[in-house]
């Protein structure tokens, strides 16, 4: 399906289950849309138990930003961010523990993953 309409609770359950299809909650962006308001968030929520540990995957929040950019018509910038994220994941060096189940010791922290994405951002087209 392209769109599933569901009450909030069931939508949350469905989105959490479907997150496993793309690599887990650390990669799942979220959007709540109405006619007047749009809210973009990481599907996993704020994960307060990880506060200050520099280990949470920042890619779900970045991908939520991609959804927001597309929502406001900034498709070129959304593409730039999405390609940078895809490049970091494909390379596999700068990813968090949830994407390194076979070798968690080589996982990187939140800030290192974010820096890797930033360094891969293609320059804007003039």
Foldseek 3Di string as FASTA:
>chain_A
DVDDDDPPVVVLVVQQVCQVVVQHQLQAKDWDDDPPDIDIDRSVPPPVVCPPVQARRCNRVLLSVLVVCVVVPVPQQSVQLVVLLVVCVVVPQAAGQSSCVPCNVSYGGRVSNVVSSVVSRDDDDD
